[in-house]
Amino acid sequence: MTRDSDTGKFSSEISDEEIVEFFESGERPFHSANEVADYFDQKRETAHRRLERLARKGEIEKVKLGPRSVVWWRKHATKSNST
């Protein structure tokens, strides 16, 4: 997992699936862009762009908690049981 030092972009070695797996393997279902950036050794801005893209694709969701606070979580499909 490397970063292009000139552009700050995630290298092609880090797939969307790896980012999604990070959300699924954690102790809690949500993370900040800073946490994702730290885990993958990337800049926060780069992680934020990737998270935004995954949200547009419907892989994850986000919620704004305050003026500068956003958390992201893995969207899980759930089925309701009809009785």
Protein backbone atom coordinates (compact mmCIF):
# COMPACT_ATOMS: atom_id res chain seq x y z
CA MET A 1 0.00 0.00 0.00
CA THR A 2 1.88 2.97 -1.27
CA ARG A 3 1.18 6.54 -2.20
CA ASP A 4 2.41 8.55 -5.16
CA SER A 5 4.37 11.23 -3.29
CA ASP A 6 3.81 13.81 -6.03
CA THR A 7 0.04 13.52 -6.31
CA GLY A 8 -0.93 12.07 -2.94
CA LYS A 9 -3.18 9.58 -4.73
CA PHE A 10 -3.74 6.03 -3.58
CA SER A 11 -1.65 3.68 -5.66
CA SER A 12 -3.39 1.11 -7.79
CA GLU A 13 -2.28 -1.44 -5.20
CA ILE A 14 -5.14 -0.32 -2.93
CA SER A 15 -8.47 -1.47 -4.30
CA ASP A 16 -11.94 -0.29 -3.42
CA GLU A 17 -12.50 -3.77 -1.99
CA GLU A 18 -9.60 -3.32 0.45
CA ILE A 19 -11.11 -0.08 1.69
CA VAL A 20 -14.53 -1.70 2.11
CA GLU A 21 -12.90 -4.65 3.94
CA PHE A 22 -11.33 -2.17 6.36
CA PHE A 23 -14.83 -1.11 7.39
CA GLU A 24 -15.99 -4.71 7.74
CA SER A 25 -13.01 -5.87 9.80
CA GLY A 26 -13.00 -3.15 12.44
CA GLU A 27 -14.25 -3.22 15.99
CA ARG A 28 -16.86 -0.62 15.10
CA PRO A 29 -18.82 -0.06 11.90
CA PHE A 30 -17.80 3.56 11.25
CA HIS A 31 -14.56 5.44 10.60
CA SER A 32 -13.35 8.94 9.79
CA ALA A 33 -11.34 9.86 6.71
CA ASN A 34 -8.38 10.39 9.05
CA GLU A 35 -8.61 6.81 10.28
CA VAL A 36 -8.77 5.45 6.74
CA ALA A 37 -5.82 7.64 5.73
CA ASP A 38 -3.77 6.47 8.71
CA TYR A 39 -4.55 2.80 8.10
CA PHE A 40 -3.52 2.98 4.44
CA ASP A 41 -0.68 5.48 5.09
CA GLN A 42 -2.25 8.15 2.88
CA LYS A 43 -3.14 11.82 3.08
CA ARG A 44 -6.55 12.60 4.58
CA GLU A 45 -7.63 14.45 1.45
CA THR A 46 -6.82 11.42 -0.68
CA ALA A 47 -8.75 9.09 1.60
CA HIS A 48 -11.68 11.52 1.60
CA ARG A 49 -11.83 11.50 -2.22
CA ARG A 50 -11.84 7.69 -2.28
CA LEU A 51 -14.56 7.55 0.40
CA GLU A 52 -16.69 10.03 -1.56
CA ARG A 53 -16.32 7.86 -4.66
CA LEU A 54 -17.30 4.72 -2.74
CA ALA A 55 -20.33 6.57 -1.35
CA ARG A 56 -21.41 7.59 -4.86
CA LYS A 57 -21.15 3.92 -5.88
CA GLY A 58 -23.32 2.92 -2.91
CA GLU A 59 -20.60 0.87 -1.20
CA ILE A 60 -20.48 3.03 1.94
CA GLU A 61 -22.54 5.82 3.46
CA LYS A 62 -21.65 8.96 5.34
CA VAL A 63 -23.22 11.21 7.92
CA LYS A 64 -22.20 14.74 8.82
CA LEU A 65 -22.04 15.07 12.60
CA GLY A 66 -21.11 18.74 12.72
CA PRO A 67 -19.59 21.56 10.67
CA ARG A 68 -16.34 19.64 10.18
CA SER A 69 -17.16 16.12 11.36
CA VAL A 70 -18.09 13.29 9.01
CA VAL A 71 -18.08 9.55 9.60
CA TRP A 72 -18.36 6.79 7.03
CA TRP A 73 -19.76 3.30 7.44
CA ARG A 74 -20.30 0.16 5.41
CA LYS A 75 -23.77 -0.14 4.02
CA HIS A 76 -25.11 -3.59 4.87
CA ALA A 77 -28.10 -5.14 3.19
CA THR A 78 -30.68 -6.24 5.70
CA LYS A 79 -33.83 -8.25 5.21
CA SER A 80 -36.86 -7.82 7.37
CA ASN A 81 -38.59 -10.94 8.58
CA SER A 82 -42.27 -11.00 7.74
CA THR A 83 -44.50 -12.86 10.15
